[in-house]
Amino acid sequence: MPKYIVSLESTADYEATKQTIVKQGGTIVDESARILGMITVQMPDESAASSLKSFSSDIISVEPDQIVTTQAA
């Protein structure tokens, strides 16, 4: 299953949001960035991940978890 980064509102009900993700077929993978308002989840597919925002007003965005690189000019 693909992984996604879920960004939460600063006032989010964290436990309720986790329950929403699990109800929609997701699995919580990493909560270490919780203090920054982010959790990593696994979702069955991209459409399930993108629909998460419609199930919780506490979710700001959902984006694929990927390696990011930088290059100096």
PDB file of N, CA and C in Angstrom:
ATOM      1  N   MET A   1       0.842  -1.186   0.000  1.00  0.00           N
ATOM      2  CA  MET A   1       0.000   0.000   0.000  1.00  0.00           C
ATOM      3  C   MET A   1       0.882   1.242   0.000  1.00  0.00           C
ATOM      4  N   PRO A   2       0.505   2.238  -0.773  1.00  0.00           N
ATOM      5  CA  PRO A   2       1.276   3.488  -0.808  1.00  0.00           C
ATOM      6  C   PRO A   2       1.160   4.270   0.502  1.00  0.00           C
ATOM      7  N   LYS A   3       2.207   5.041   0.801  1.00  0.00           N
ATOM      8  CA  LYS A   3       2.229   5.866   2.005  1.00  0.00           C
ATOM      9  C   LYS A   3       1.920   7.318   1.642  1.00  0.00           C
ATOM     10  N   TYR A   4       1.279   8.016   2.590  1.00  0.00           N
ATOM     11  CA  TYR A   4       0.908   9.410   2.411  1.00  0.00           C
ATOM     12  C   TYR A   4       1.191  10.195   3.686  1.00  0.00           C
ATOM     13  N   ILE A   5       1.512  11.473   3.521  1.00  0.00           N
ATOM     14  CA  ILE A   5       1.687  12.385   4.643  1.00  0.00           C
ATOM     15  C   ILE A   5       0.378  13.150   4.800  1.00  0.00           C
ATOM     16  N   VAL A   6      -0.205  13.090   5.985  1.00  0.00           N
ATOM     17  CA  VAL A   6      -1.442  13.793   6.280  1.00  0.00           C
ATOM     18  C   VAL A   6      -1.093  14.969   7.186  1.00  0.00           C
ATOM     19  N   SER A   7      -1.404  16.187   6.729  1.00  0.00           N
ATOM     20  CA  SER A   7      -1.163  17.404   7.515  1.00  0.00           C
ATOM     21  C   SER A   7      -2.457  17.795   8.203  1.00  0.00           C
ATOM     22  N   LEU A   8      -2.342  18.124   9.497  1.00  0.00           N
ATOM     23  CA  LEU A   8      -3.522  18.420  10.306  1.00  0.00           C
ATOM     24  C   LEU A   8      -3.562  19.877  10.751  1.00  0.00           C
ATOM     25  N   GLU A   9      -4.771  20.366  11.001  1.00  0.00           N
ATOM     26  CA  GLU A   9      -4.965  21.691  11.584  1.00  0.00           C
ATOM     27  C   GLU A   9      -4.314  21.707  12.968  1.00  0.00           C
ATOM     28  N   SER A  10      -3.887  22.872  13.428  1.00  0.00           N
ATOM     29  CA  SER A  10      -3.261  22.969  14.751  1.00  0.00           C
ATOM     30  C   SER A  10      -4.234  22.632  15.873  1.00  0.00           C
ATOM     31  N   THR A  11      -5.528  22.772  15.614  1.00  0.00           N
ATOM     32  CA  THR A  11      -6.547  22.479  16.621  1.00  0.00           C
ATOM     33  C   THR A  11      -7.177  21.103  16.428  1.00  0.00           C
ATOM     34  N   ALA A  12      -6.569  20.272  15.620  1.00  0.00           N
ATOM     35  CA  ALA A  12      -7.150  18.979  15.259  1.00  0.00           C
ATOM     36  C   ALA A  12      -7.336  18.070  16.473  1.00  0.00           C
ATOM     37  N   ASP A  13      -8.414  17.318  16.448  1.00  0.00           N
ATOM     38  CA  ASP A  13      -8.630  16.245  17.420  1.00  0.00           C
ATOM     39  C   ASP A  13      -7.875  15.040  16.868  1.00  0.00           C
ATOM     40  N   TYR A  14      -6.672  14.846  17.366  1.00  0.00           N
ATOM     41  CA  TYR A  14      -5.752  13.857  16.807  1.00  0.00           C
ATOM     42  C   TYR A  14      -6.332  12.437  16.839  1.00  0.00           C
ATOM     43  N   GLU A  15      -6.872  12.042  17.970  1.00  0.00           N
ATOM     44  CA  GLU A  15      -7.399  10.674  18.097  1.00  0.00           C
ATOM     45  C   GLU A  15      -8.593  10.447  17.170  1.00  0.00           C
ATOM     46  N   ALA A  16      -9.475  11.434  17.072  1.00  0.00           N
ATOM     47  CA  ALA A  16     -10.631  11.309  16.177  1.00  0.00           C
ATOM     48  C   ALA A  16     -10.182  11.220  14.721  1.00  0.00           C
ATOM     49  N   THR A  17      -9.156  11.981  14.364  1.00  0.00           N
ATOM     50  CA  THR A  17      -8.642  11.952  12.992  1.00  0.00           C
ATOM     51  C   THR A  17      -8.028  10.589  12.690  1.00  0.00           C
ATOM     52  N   LYS A  18      -7.279  10.038  13.640  1.00  0.00           N
ATOM     53  CA  LYS A  18      -6.717   8.695  13.456  1.00  0.00           C
ATOM     54  C   LYS A  18      -7.823   7.669  13.236  1.00  0.00           C
ATOM     55  N   GLN A  19      -8.898   7.770  14.008  1.00  0.00           N
ATOM     56  CA  GLN A  19     -10.019   6.839  13.855  1.00  0.00           C
ATOM     57  C   GLN A  19     -10.658   6.981  12.477  1.00  0.00           C
ATOM     58  N   THR A  20     -10.772   8.207  11.990  1.00  0.00           N
ATOM     59  CA  THR A  20     -11.330   8.446  10.658  1.00  0.00           C
ATOM     60  C   THR A  20     -10.470   7.779   9.595  1.00  0.00           C
ATOM     61  N   ILE A  21      -9.152   7.920   9.715  1.00  0.00           N
ATOM     62  CA  ILE A  21      -8.233   7.322   8.744  1.00  0.00           C
ATOM     63  C   ILE A  21      -8.384   5.806   8.735  1.00  0.00           C
ATOM     64  N   VAL A  22      -8.446   5.205   9.903  1.00  0.00           N
ATOM     65  CA  VAL A  22      -8.583   3.750   9.998  1.00  0.00           C
ATOM     66  C   VAL A  22      -9.930   3.297   9.433  1.00  0.00           C
ATOM     67  N   LYS A  23     -11.005   4.037   9.717  1.00  0.00           N
ATOM     68  CA  LYS A  23     -12.332   3.696   9.187  1.00  0.00           C
ATOM     69  C   LYS A  23     -12.355   3.729   7.666  1.00  0.00           C
ATOM     70  N   GLN A  24     -11.507   4.568   7.064  1.00  0.00           N
ATOM     71  CA  GLN A  24     -11.465   4.685   5.607  1.00  0.00           C
ATOM     72  C   GLN A  24     -10.475   3.698   4.984  1.00  0.00           C
ATOM     73  N   GLY A  25      -9.982   2.757   5.780  1.00  0.00           N
ATOM     74  CA  GLY A  25      -9.117   1.705   5.244  1.00  0.00           C
ATOM     75  C   GLY A  25      -7.639   1.973   5.396  1.00  0.00           C
ATOM     76  N   GLY A  26      -7.278   3.028   6.115  1.00  0.00           N
ATOM     77  CA  GLY A  26      -5.870   3.373   6.281  1.00  0.00           C
ATOM     78  C   GLY A  26      -5.237   2.734   7.506  1.00  0.00           C
ATOM     79  N   THR A  27      -3.926   2.784   7.520  1.00  0.00           N
ATOM     80  CA  THR A  27      -3.131   2.301   8.638  1.00  0.00           C
ATOM     81  C   THR A  27      -2.169   3.413   9.033  1.00  0.00           C
ATOM     82  N   ILE A  28      -2.060   3.697  10.322  1.00  0.00           N
ATOM     83  CA  ILE A  28      -1.113   4.696  10.808  1.00  0.00           C
ATOM     84  C   ILE A  28       0.270   4.057  10.796  1.00  0.00           C
ATOM     85  N   VAL A  29       1.222   4.667  10.084  1.00  0.00           N
ATOM     86  CA  VAL A  29       2.572   4.121   9.942  1.00  0.00           C
ATOM     87  C   VAL A  29       3.553   4.809  10.884  1.00  0.00           C
ATOM     88  N   ASP A  30       3.462   6.135  10.981  1.00  0.00           N
ATOM     89  CA  ASP A  30       4.429   6.889  11.776  1.00  0.00           C
ATOM     90  C   ASP A  30       3.767   8.121  12.382  1.00  0.00           C
ATOM     91  N   GLU A  31       3.903   8.252  13.687  1.00  0.00           N
ATOM     92  CA  GLU A  31       3.321   9.391  14.392  1.00  0.00           C
ATOM     93  C   GLU A  31       4.397  10.321  14.940  1.00  0.00           C
ATOM     94  N   SER A  32       5.644  10.129  14.558  1.00  0.00           N
ATOM     95  CA  SER A  32       6.745  10.903  15.142  1.00  0.00           C
ATOM     96  C   SER A  32       6.683  12.393  14.803  1.00  0.00           C
ATOM     97  N   ALA A  33       6.007  12.764  13.735  1.00  0.00           N
ATOM     98  CA  ALA A  33       5.891  14.178  13.363  1.00  0.00           C
ATOM     99  C   ALA A  33       4.578  14.782  13.877  1.00  0.00           C
ATOM    100  N   ARG A  34       3.968  14.106  14.834  1.00  0.00           N
ATOM    101  CA  ARG A  34       2.694  14.585  15.391  1.00  0.00           C
ATOM    102  C   ARG A  34       2.829  16.007  15.927  1.00  0.00           C
ATOM    103  N   ILE A  35       3.946  16.307  16.554  1.00  0.00           N
ATOM    104  CA  ILE A  35       4.152  17.646  17.111  1.00  0.00           C
ATOM    105  C   ILE A  35       4.131  18.718  16.011  1.00  0.00           C
ATOM    106  N   LEU A  36       4.453  18.327  14.793  1.00  0.00           N
ATOM    107  CA  LEU A  36       4.408  19.241  13.650  1.00  0.00           C
ATOM    108  C   LEU A  36       3.050  19.211  12.954  1.00  0.00           C
ATOM    109  N   GLY A  37       2.143  18.367  13.451  1.00  0.00           N
ATOM    110  CA  GLY A  37       0.813  18.270  12.857  1.00  0.00           C
ATOM    111  C   GLY A  37       0.755  17.372  11.640  1.00  0.00           C
ATOM    112  N   MET A  38       1.618  16.352  11.617  1.00  0.00           N
ATOM    113  CA  MET A  38       1.638  15.442  10.472  1.00  0.00           C
ATOM    114  C   MET A  38       1.718  13.995  10.939  1.00  0.00           C
ATOM    115  N   ILE A  39       1.076  13.119  10.182  1.00  0.00           N
ATOM    116  CA  ILE A  39       1.208  11.686  10.406  1.00  0.00           C
ATOM    117  C   ILE A  39       1.381  11.001   9.051  1.00  0.00           C
ATOM    118  N   THR A  40       2.095   9.896   9.068  1.00  0.00           N
ATOM    119  CA  THR A  40       2.273   9.102   7.860  1.00  0.00           C
ATOM    120  C   THR A  40       1.311   7.929   7.927  1.00  0.00           C
ATOM    121  N   VAL A  41       0.576   7.740   6.837  1.00  0.00           N
ATOM    122  CA  VAL A  41      -0.413   6.669   6.784  1.00  0.00           C
ATOM    123  C   VAL A  41      -0.220   5.852   5.519  1.00  0.00           C
ATOM    124  N   GLN A  42      -0.744   4.641   5.537  1.00  0.00           N
ATOM    125  CA  GLN A  42      -0.829   3.831   4.328  1.00  0.00           C
ATOM    126  C   GLN A  42      -2.301   3.760   3.964  1.00  0.00           C
ATOM    127  N   MET A  43      -2.590   3.968   2.689  1.00  0.00           N
ATOM    128  CA  MET A  43      -3.961   3.897   2.192  1.00  0.00           C
ATOM    129  C   MET A  43      -3.988   2.917   1.028  1.00  0.00           C
ATOM    130  N   PRO A  44      -5.145   2.276   0.804  1.00  0.00           N
ATOM    131  CA  PRO A  44      -5.225   1.281  -0.264  1.00  0.00           C
ATOM    132  C   PRO A  44      -4.876   1.826  -1.652  1.00  0.00           C
ATOM    133  N   ASP A  45      -5.253   3.074  -1.924  1.00  0.00           N
ATOM    134  CA  ASP A  45      -4.960   3.670  -3.229  1.00  0.00           C
ATOM    135  C   ASP A  45      -5.049   5.187  -3.140  1.00  0.00           C
ATOM    136  N   GLU A  46      -4.723   5.854  -4.230  1.00  0.00           N
ATOM    137  CA  GLU A  46      -4.701   7.315  -4.248  1.00  0.00           C
ATOM    138  C   GLU A  46      -6.079   7.930  -4.036  1.00  0.00           C
ATOM    139  N   SER A  47      -7.111   7.317  -4.580  1.00  0.00           N
ATOM    140  CA  SER A  47      -8.454   7.896  -4.418  1.00  0.00           C
ATOM    141  C   SER A  47      -8.903   7.824  -2.956  1.00  0.00           C
ATOM    142  N   ALA A  48      -8.572   6.765  -2.263  1.00  0.00           N
ATOM    143  CA  ALA A  48      -8.905   6.659  -0.839  1.00  0.00           C
ATOM    144  C   ALA A  48      -8.156   7.725  -0.041  1.00  0.00           C
ATOM    145  N   ALA A  49      -6.903   7.963  -0.403  1.00  0.00           N
ATOM    146  CA  ALA A  49      -6.101   8.972   0.291  1.00  0.00           C
ATOM    147  C   ALA A  49      -6.645  10.366   0.033  1.00  0.00           C
ATOM    148  N   SER A  50      -6.955  10.690  -1.227  1.00  0.00           N
ATOM    149  CA  SER A  50      -7.424  12.040  -1.518  1.00  0.00           C
ATOM    150  C   SER A  50      -8.815  12.302  -0.956  1.00  0.00           C
ATOM    151  N   SER A  51      -9.586  11.266  -0.697  1.00  0.00           N
ATOM    152  CA  SER A  51     -10.920  11.481  -0.139  1.00  0.00           C
ATOM    153  C   SER A  51     -10.890  11.726   1.367  1.00  0.00           C
ATOM    154  N   LEU A  52      -9.753  11.530   2.019  1.00  0.00           N
ATOM    155  CA  LEU A  52      -9.670  11.733   3.462  1.00  0.00           C
ATOM    156  C   LEU A  52     -10.099  13.138   3.883  1.00  0.00           C
ATOM    157  N   LYS A  53      -9.735  14.156   3.093  1.00  0.00           N
ATOM    158  CA  LYS A  53     -10.094  15.539   3.435  1.00  0.00           C
ATOM    159  C   LYS A  53     -11.604  15.715   3.570  1.00  0.00           C
ATOM    160  N   SER A  54     -12.368  14.978   2.801  1.00  0.00           N
ATOM    161  CA  SER A  54     -13.819  15.131   2.858  1.00  0.00           C
ATOM    162  C   SER A  54     -14.422  14.482   4.104  1.00  0.00           C
ATOM    163  N   PHE A  55     -13.662  13.634   4.783  1.00  0.00           N
ATOM    164  CA  PHE A  55     -14.174  12.959   5.974  1.00  0.00           C
ATOM    165  C   PHE A  55     -13.803  13.665   7.276  1.00  0.00           C
ATOM    166  N   SER A  56     -12.858  14.603   7.227  1.00  0.00           N
ATOM    167  CA  SER A  56     -12.442  15.292   8.447  1.00  0.00           C
ATOM    168  C   SER A  56     -12.024  16.722   8.128  1.00  0.00           C
ATOM    169  N   SER A  57     -12.625  17.676   8.834  1.00  0.00           N
ATOM    170  CA  SER A  57     -12.246  19.075   8.639  1.00  0.00           C
ATOM    171  C   SER A  57     -10.893  19.377   9.289  1.00  0.00           C
ATOM    172  N   ASP A  58     -10.370  18.439  10.081  1.00  0.00           N
ATOM    173  CA  ASP A  58      -9.062  18.613  10.722  1.00  0.00           C
ATOM    174  C   ASP A  58      -7.899  18.342   9.764  1.00  0.00           C
ATOM    175  N   ILE A  59      -8.177  17.749   8.606  1.00  0.00           N
ATOM    176  CA  ILE A  59      -7.125  17.406   7.646  1.00  0.00           C
ATOM    177  C   ILE A  59      -6.957  18.557   6.656  1.00  0.00           C
ATOM    178  N   ILE A  60      -5.730  19.091   6.586  1.00  0.00           N
ATOM    179  CA  ILE A  60      -5.419  20.188   5.665  1.00  0.00           C
ATOM    180  C   ILE A  60      -5.065  19.635   4.291  1.00  0.00           C
ATOM    181  N   SER A  61      -4.182  18.626   4.273  1.00  0.00           N
ATOM    182  CA  SER A  61      -3.749  18.080   2.988  1.00  0.00           C
ATOM    183  C   SER A  61      -3.291  16.636   3.146  1.00  0.00           C
ATOM    184  N   VAL A  62      -3.288  15.945   2.009  1.00  0.00           N
ATOM    185  CA  VAL A  62      -2.802  14.569   1.928  1.00  0.00           C
ATOM    186  C   VAL A  62      -1.922  14.510   0.692  1.00  0.00           C
ATOM    187  N   GLU A  63      -0.670  14.108   0.876  1.00  0.00           N
ATOM    188  CA  GLU A  63       0.236  14.041  -0.267  1.00  0.00           C
ATOM    189  C   GLU A  63       1.090  12.785  -0.180  1.00  0.00           C
ATOM    190  N   PRO A  64       1.541  12.277  -1.328  1.00  0.00           N
ATOM    191  CA  PRO A  64       2.359  11.067  -1.319  1.00  0.00           C
ATOM    192  C   PRO A  64       3.642  11.261  -0.508  1.00  0.00           C
ATOM    193  N   ASP A  65       4.017  10.228   0.226  1.00  0.00           N
ATOM    194  CA  ASP A  65       5.282  10.231   0.961  1.00  0.00           C
ATOM    195  C   ASP A  65       6.356   9.840  -0.044  1.00  0.00           C
ATOM    196  N   GLN A  66       7.281  10.753  -0.284  1.00  0.00           N
ATOM    197  CA  GLN A  66       8.319  10.496  -1.284  1.00  0.00           C
ATOM    198  C   GLN A  66       9.634  11.116  -0.865  1.00  0.00           C
ATOM    199  N   ILE A  67      10.681  10.688  -1.472  1.00  0.00           N
ATOM    200  CA  ILE A  67      12.008  11.243  -1.203  1.00  0.00           C
ATOM    201  C   ILE A  67      12.115  12.589  -1.910  1.00  0.00           C
ATOM    202  N   VAL A  68      12.574  13.583  -1.162  1.00  0.00           N
ATOM    203  CA  VAL A  68      12.756  14.916  -1.707  1.00  0.00           C
ATOM    204  C   VAL A  68      14.242  15.231  -1.691  1.00  0.00           C
ATOM    205  N   THR A  69      14.750  15.739  -2.804  1.00  0.00           N
ATOM    206  CA  THR A  69      16.150  16.097  -2.882  1.00  0.00           C
ATOM    207  C   THR A  69      16.293  17.566  -3.263  1.00  0.00           C
ATOM    208  N   THR A  70      17.433  18.119  -2.938  1.00  0.00           N
ATOM    209  CA  THR A  70      17.724  19.491  -3.332  1.00  0.00           C
ATOM    210  C   THR A  70      19.046  19.512  -4.074  1.00  0.00           C
ATOM    211  N   GLN A  71      19.235  20.535  -4.865  1.00  0.00           N
ATOM    212  CA  GLN A  71      20.473  20.671  -5.616  1.00  0.00           C
ATOM    213  C   GLN A  71      20.853  22.151  -5.606  1.00  0.00           C
ATOM    214  N   ALA A  72      22.057  22.410  -5.167  1.00  0.00           N
ATOM    215  CA  ALA A  72      22.543  23.794  -5.149  1.00  0.00           C
ATOM    216  C   ALA A  72      22.878  24.255  -6.559  1.00  0.00           C
ATOM    217  N   ALA A  73      22.622  25.520  -6.832  1.00  0.00           N
ATOM    218  CA  ALA A  73      22.894  26.061  -8.161  1.00  0.00           C
ATOM    219  C   ALA A  73      24.330  26.548  -8.253  1.00  0.00           C
TER     220      ALA A  73
END
